Amino acid sequence: SKLIQMSDQFLPVKIKGEMLRIRDESVNGHSETLLTIKEWVLIKGGQGGKERSEEEGTLGPFARAFLLHFGRLLSGHPLHGFSKLRQEHVSPSYPGVVITLDDVDGLGRYSGRYAEIEVLVPRDGDVEAARAKIAQLAKSLFDEERAPVEYSYQQMLEKSLTEA
C-alpha cells in the first residue's frame, strides 16, 4: 500500500462528462504531474451504451504551466480543483484490481472520506463482468451491499461551486 498526495485542476472541455485534468502527485517525496484525458466511447456487446475511456501521461514543467495558463485564458476564470490524500492498495489476491481510500478536501459539503474499487478493462473488454466483480468485492470488503456514490469527484466539485 502507498500514500499519495494529489492535487487536481480541470481544464475546460466542450462535452459534458469528458475531462482534461492536470494532477500533481507526490509519493514518498517524489513529485510528478499527470495529464488525464477521459472521453466517451461506445462499448461493444451487451446493451451497448457508452463508457469513459481514460488515457494518462506525464507532463514536464513547461507543458504543465502552458496548459494551466491556456486553460485559465480559455475558461475566463481560475481553474477549479481540489486535493486528496489517497491510500492505494493492490492485492496479489485480486489481479487487475486497485482499491483506494481517499480523504478529499475542496469539495464543499462533499469533502470527506471515500473508498474506490477500480477494475481495469481493455477497450474491447467485458465491462459488465468488471462491474459485477466490483459489486462483489465491495460487499466482501464492507460486509454489506452499498450503493455506489452517485457523483464523481469532478461532479461533486461542480455541484459545490454552484451551491456556494
C-alpha atoms as a PDB file:
ATOM      1  CA  SER A   1       0.000   0.000   0.000  1.00  0.00           C
ATOM      2  CA  LYS A   2       1.225   3.536  -0.707  1.00  0.00           C
ATOM      3  CA  LEU A   3       0.219   7.039   0.367  1.00  0.00           C
ATOM      4  CA  ILE A   4      -0.207   9.647  -2.391  1.00  0.00           C
ATOM      5  CA  GLN A   5      -0.861  13.400  -2.052  1.00  0.00           C
ATOM      6  CA  MET A   6      -2.834  14.609  -5.093  1.00  0.00           C
ATOM      7  CA  SER A   7      -3.945  17.999  -6.333  1.00  0.00           C
ATOM      8  CA  ASP A   8      -6.258  18.161  -9.367  1.00  0.00           C
ATOM      9  CA  GLN A   9      -7.098  21.079 -11.672  1.00  0.00           C
ATOM     10  CA  PHE A  10      -9.573  20.798 -14.534  1.00  0.00           C
ATOM     11  CA  LEU A  11      -9.195  22.337 -17.983  1.00  0.00           C
ATOM     12  CA  PRO A  12     -12.356  23.410 -19.840  1.00  0.00           C
ATOM     13  CA  VAL A  13     -13.995  20.820 -22.169  1.00  0.00           C
ATOM     14  CA  LYS A  14     -16.958  21.132 -24.527  1.00  0.00           C
ATOM     15  CA  ILE A  15     -18.677  17.767 -23.950  1.00  0.00           C
ATOM     16  CA  LYS A  16     -20.306  17.141 -20.552  1.00  0.00           C
ATOM     17  CA  GLY A  17     -18.735  14.184 -18.771  1.00  0.00           C
ATOM     18  CA  GLU A  18     -15.466  14.374 -20.668  1.00  0.00           C
ATOM     19  CA  MET A  19     -12.406  15.569 -18.782  1.00  0.00           C
ATOM     20  CA  LEU A  20      -8.976  17.129 -19.117  1.00  0.00           C
ATOM     21  CA  ARG A  21      -7.256  17.003 -15.731  1.00  0.00           C
ATOM     22  CA  ILE A  22      -3.828  18.103 -14.563  1.00  0.00           C
ATOM     23  CA  ARG A  23      -2.835  16.197 -11.431  1.00  0.00           C
ATOM     24  CA  ASP A  24       0.197  16.992  -9.285  1.00  0.00           C
ATOM     25  CA  GLU A  25       1.162  13.869  -7.321  1.00  0.00           C
ATOM     26  CA  SER A  26       3.649  13.338  -4.537  1.00  0.00           C
ATOM     27  CA  VAL A  27       4.662   9.851  -3.329  1.00  0.00           C
ATOM     28  CA  ASN A  28       7.470   9.436  -0.782  1.00  0.00           C
ATOM     29  CA  GLY A  29       8.973  12.822  -1.711  1.00  0.00           C
ATOM     30  CA  HIS A  30       8.871  12.080  -5.482  1.00  0.00           C
ATOM     31  CA  SER A  31       6.625  14.502  -7.404  1.00  0.00           C
ATOM     32  CA  GLU A  32       5.240  14.334 -10.915  1.00  0.00           C
ATOM     33  CA  THR A  33       2.479  15.883 -12.985  1.00  0.00           C
ATOM     34  CA  LEU A  34      -0.010  13.803 -14.963  1.00  0.00           C
ATOM     35  CA  LEU A  35      -2.392  14.814 -17.733  1.00  0.00           C
ATOM     36  CA  THR A  36      -5.552  12.678 -17.808  1.00  0.00           C
ATOM     37  CA  ILE A  37      -7.951  12.660 -20.746  1.00  0.00           C
ATOM     38  CA  LYS A  38     -11.336  10.974 -20.255  1.00  0.00           C
ATOM     39  CA  GLU A  39     -13.734  10.799 -23.169  1.00  0.00           C
ATOM     40  CA  TRP A  40     -16.914   8.905 -24.013  1.00  0.00           C
ATOM     41  CA  VAL A  41     -16.570   5.804 -26.196  1.00  0.00           C
ATOM     42  CA  LEU A  42     -19.192   3.304 -27.374  1.00  0.00           C
ATOM     43  CA  ILE A  43     -18.855  -0.126 -25.754  1.00  0.00           C
ATOM     44  CA  LYS A  44     -19.429  -3.306 -27.738  1.00  0.00           C
ATOM     45  CA  GLY A  45     -21.676  -6.195 -26.778  1.00  0.00           C
ATOM     46  CA  GLY A  46     -24.334  -6.360 -24.091  1.00  0.00           C
ATOM     47  CA  GLN A  47     -26.686  -3.383 -24.217  1.00  0.00           C
ATOM     48  CA  GLY A  48     -24.120  -1.223 -25.992  1.00  0.00           C
ATOM     49  CA  GLY A  49     -24.038   2.198 -24.387  1.00  0.00           C
ATOM     50  CA  LYS A  50     -21.150   4.465 -23.506  1.00  0.00           C
ATOM     51  CA  GLU A  51     -18.254   4.201 -21.083  1.00  0.00           C
ATOM     52  CA  ARG A  52     -15.460   6.632 -20.339  1.00  0.00           C
ATOM     53  CA  SER A  53     -12.101   5.811 -21.871  1.00  0.00           C
ATOM     54  CA  GLU A  54      -9.057   7.086 -19.970  1.00  0.00           C
ATOM     55  CA  GLU A  55      -5.565   7.982 -21.174  1.00  0.00           C
ATOM     56  CA  GLU A  56      -2.828   9.319 -18.947  1.00  0.00           C
ATOM     57  CA  GLY A  57       0.723  10.586 -19.385  1.00  0.00           C
ATOM     58  CA  THR A  58       3.321  12.658 -17.548  1.00  0.00           C
ATOM     59  CA  LEU A  59       3.804  16.383 -18.160  1.00  0.00           C
ATOM     60  CA  GLY A  60       7.016  18.355 -17.834  1.00  0.00           C
ATOM     61  CA  PRO A  61       7.053  21.741 -16.030  1.00  0.00           C
ATOM     62  CA  PHE A  62       6.747  23.811 -19.241  1.00  0.00           C
ATOM     63  CA  ALA A  63       3.826  21.798 -20.664  1.00  0.00           C
ATOM     64  CA  ARG A  64       2.110  21.934 -17.233  1.00  0.00           C
ATOM     65  CA  ALA A  65       2.490  25.734 -16.994  1.00  0.00           C
ATOM     66  CA  PHE A  66       1.363  26.205 -20.609  1.00  0.00           C
ATOM     67  CA  LEU A  67      -1.789  24.060 -20.219  1.00  0.00           C
ATOM     68  CA  LEU A  68      -2.782  25.689 -16.903  1.00  0.00           C
ATOM     69  CA  HIS A  69      -2.294  29.179 -18.350  1.00  0.00           C
ATOM     70  CA  PHE A  70      -4.117  28.267 -21.586  1.00  0.00           C
ATOM     71  CA  GLY A  71      -6.980  26.707 -19.562  1.00  0.00           C
ATOM     72  CA  ARG A  72      -7.351  29.867 -17.451  1.00  0.00           C
ATOM     73  CA  LEU A  73      -7.430  32.035 -20.585  1.00  0.00           C
ATOM     74  CA  LEU A  74      -9.947  29.746 -22.302  1.00  0.00           C
ATOM     75  CA  SER A  75     -12.296  29.489 -19.298  1.00  0.00           C
ATOM     76  CA  GLY A  76     -12.006  33.154 -18.304  1.00  0.00           C
ATOM     77  CA  HIS A  77     -11.587  32.316 -14.606  1.00  0.00           C
ATOM     78  CA  PRO A  78      -9.165  30.473 -12.297  1.00  0.00           C
ATOM     79  CA  LEU A  79      -9.333  26.717 -12.891  1.00  0.00           C
ATOM     80  CA  HIS A  80     -11.384  24.676 -10.451  1.00  0.00           C
ATOM     81  CA  GLY A  81      -9.705  21.962  -8.438  1.00  0.00           C
ATOM     82  CA  PHE A  82      -9.459  20.003  -5.203  1.00  0.00           C
ATOM     83  CA  SER A  83      -6.943  17.879  -3.322  1.00  0.00           C
ATOM     84  CA  LYS A  84      -6.903  14.474  -1.683  1.00  0.00           C
ATOM     85  CA  LEU A  85      -4.726  12.167   0.324  1.00  0.00           C
ATOM     86  CA  ARG A  86      -5.016   8.694  -1.204  1.00  0.00           C
ATOM     87  CA  GLN A  87      -4.085   5.354   0.301  1.00  0.00           C
ATOM     88  CA  GLU A  88      -3.733   2.871  -2.567  1.00  0.00           C
ATOM     89  CA  HIS A  89      -3.878  -0.909  -2.145  1.00  0.00           C
ATOM     90  CA  VAL A  90      -3.018  -3.506  -4.786  1.00  0.00           C
ATOM     91  CA  SER A  91      -3.522  -7.118  -3.701  1.00  0.00           C
ATOM     92  CA  PRO A  92      -1.952 -10.171  -5.365  1.00  0.00           C
ATOM     93  CA  SER A  93      -5.225 -11.966  -4.492  1.00  0.00           C
ATOM     94  CA  TYR A  94      -7.114  -9.656  -6.897  1.00  0.00           C
ATOM     95  CA  PRO A  95      -5.040  -9.068 -10.060  1.00  0.00           C
ATOM     96  CA  GLY A  96      -6.133  -6.007 -12.067  1.00  0.00           C
ATOM     97  CA  VAL A  97      -7.958  -4.518  -9.076  1.00  0.00           C
ATOM     98  CA  VAL A  98      -6.936  -1.302  -7.287  1.00  0.00           C
ATOM     99  CA  ILE A  99      -8.624  -0.304  -4.018  1.00  0.00           C
ATOM    100  CA  THR A 100      -8.157   3.264  -2.820  1.00  0.00           C
ATOM    101  CA  LEU A 101      -9.177   5.143   0.313  1.00  0.00           C
ATOM    102  CA  ASP A 102      -9.368   8.907  -0.231  1.00  0.00           C
ATOM    103  CA  ASP A 103      -9.566  11.827   2.212  1.00  0.00           C
ATOM    104  CA  VAL A 104     -10.833  14.610  -0.077  1.00  0.00           C
ATOM    105  CA  ASP A 105     -10.694  18.370   0.553  1.00  0.00           C
ATOM    106  CA  GLY A 106     -12.035  21.281  -1.507  1.00  0.00           C
ATOM    107  CA  LEU A 107     -15.439  19.821  -2.454  1.00  0.00           C
ATOM    108  CA  GLY A 108     -17.561  21.850  -0.035  1.00  0.00           C
ATOM    109  CA  ARG A 109     -20.157  19.641   1.676  1.00  0.00           C
ATOM    110  CA  TYR A 110     -18.913  16.669  -0.395  1.00  0.00           C
ATOM    111  CA  SER A 111     -15.432  16.778   1.180  1.00  0.00           C
ATOM    112  CA  GLY A 112     -14.679  13.691   3.260  1.00  0.00           C
ATOM    113  CA  ARG A 113     -13.626  10.068   3.009  1.00  0.00           C
ATOM    114  CA  TYR A 114     -14.361   7.746   0.095  1.00  0.00           C
ATOM    115  CA  ALA A 115     -13.405   4.221  -0.978  1.00  0.00           C
ATOM    116  CA  GLU A 116     -12.977   3.283  -4.627  1.00  0.00           C
ATOM    117  CA  ILE A 117     -12.639  -0.127  -6.235  1.00  0.00           C
ATOM    118  CA  GLU A 118     -11.306   0.035  -9.777  1.00  0.00           C
ATOM    119  CA  VAL A 119     -11.048  -2.834 -12.236  1.00  0.00           C
ATOM    120  CA  LEU A 120      -9.078  -2.040 -15.380  1.00  0.00           C
ATOM    121  CA  VAL A 121     -10.728  -3.304 -18.566  1.00  0.00           C
ATOM    122  CA  PRO A 122      -9.167  -3.286 -22.048  1.00  0.00           C
ATOM    123  CA  ARG A 123     -11.009  -1.130 -24.623  1.00  0.00           C
ATOM    124  CA  ASP A 124     -12.962  -4.131 -26.027  1.00  0.00           C
ATOM    125  CA  GLY A 125     -13.138  -5.959 -22.677  1.00  0.00           C
ATOM    126  CA  ASP A 126     -16.176  -7.118 -20.686  1.00  0.00           C
ATOM    127  CA  VAL A 127     -17.344  -4.018 -18.783  1.00  0.00           C
ATOM    128  CA  GLU A 128     -20.381  -5.785 -17.243  1.00  0.00           C
ATOM    129  CA  ALA A 129     -18.167  -8.536 -15.754  1.00  0.00           C
ATOM    130  CA  ALA A 130     -15.920  -5.832 -14.253  1.00  0.00           C
ATOM    131  CA  ARG A 131     -18.958  -4.087 -12.700  1.00  0.00           C
ATOM    132  CA  ALA A 132     -20.131  -7.388 -11.194  1.00  0.00           C
ATOM    133  CA  LYS A 133     -16.632  -8.010  -9.777  1.00  0.00           C
ATOM    134  CA  ILE A 134     -16.610  -4.534  -8.184  1.00  0.00           C
ATOM    135  CA  ALA A 135     -20.032  -5.099  -6.559  1.00  0.00           C
ATOM    136  CA  GLN A 136     -18.885  -8.492  -5.219  1.00  0.00           C
ATOM    137  CA  LEU A 137     -15.627  -7.033  -3.834  1.00  0.00           C
ATOM    138  CA  ALA A 138     -17.459  -4.097  -2.218  1.00  0.00           C
ATOM    139  CA  LYS A 139     -19.857  -6.486  -0.489  1.00  0.00           C
ATOM    140  CA  SER A 140     -16.995  -8.635   0.844  1.00  0.00           C
ATOM    141  CA  LEU A 141     -14.954  -5.595   1.984  1.00  0.00           C
ATOM    142  CA  PHE A 142     -17.780  -3.705   3.684  1.00  0.00           C
ATOM    143  CA  ASP A 143     -19.794  -6.779   4.726  1.00  0.00           C
ATOM    144  CA  GLU A 144     -22.924  -5.240   3.202  1.00  0.00           C
ATOM    145  CA  GLU A 145     -24.328  -4.049  -0.110  1.00  0.00           C
ATOM    146  CA  ARG A 146     -23.507  -0.398  -0.652  1.00  0.00           C
ATOM    147  CA  ALA A 147     -24.854   1.829  -3.370  1.00  0.00           C
ATOM    148  CA  PRO A 148     -22.110   3.401  -5.469  1.00  0.00           C
ATOM    149  CA  VAL A 149     -21.503   7.120  -4.871  1.00  0.00           C
ATOM    150  CA  GLU A 150     -23.742   8.964  -7.295  1.00  0.00           C
ATOM    151  CA  TYR A 151     -21.211  11.578  -8.421  1.00  0.00           C
ATOM    152  CA  SER A 152     -17.566  11.647  -9.487  1.00  0.00           C
ATOM    153  CA  TYR A 153     -15.215  13.997  -7.605  1.00  0.00           C
ATOM    154  CA  GLN A 154     -15.364  16.343 -10.593  1.00  0.00           C
ATOM    155  CA  GLN A 155     -19.194  16.402 -10.441  1.00  0.00           C
ATOM    156  CA  MET A 156     -19.054  16.969  -6.659  1.00  0.00           C
ATOM    157  CA  LEU A 157     -16.711  19.897  -7.306  1.00  0.00           C
ATOM    158  CA  GLU A 158     -19.109  21.383  -9.889  1.00  0.00           C
ATOM    159  CA  LYS A 159     -22.091  20.956  -7.528  1.00  0.00           C
ATOM    160  CA  SER A 160     -20.194  22.546  -4.598  1.00  0.00           C
ATOM    161  CA  LEU A 161     -19.323  25.556  -6.792  1.00  0.00           C
ATOM    162  CA  THR A 162     -22.945  26.086  -7.854  1.00  0.00           C
ATOM    163  CA  GLU A 163     -24.107  25.769  -4.212  1.00  0.00           C
ATOM    164  CA  ALA A 164     -21.519  28.305  -2.962  1.00  0.00           C
END
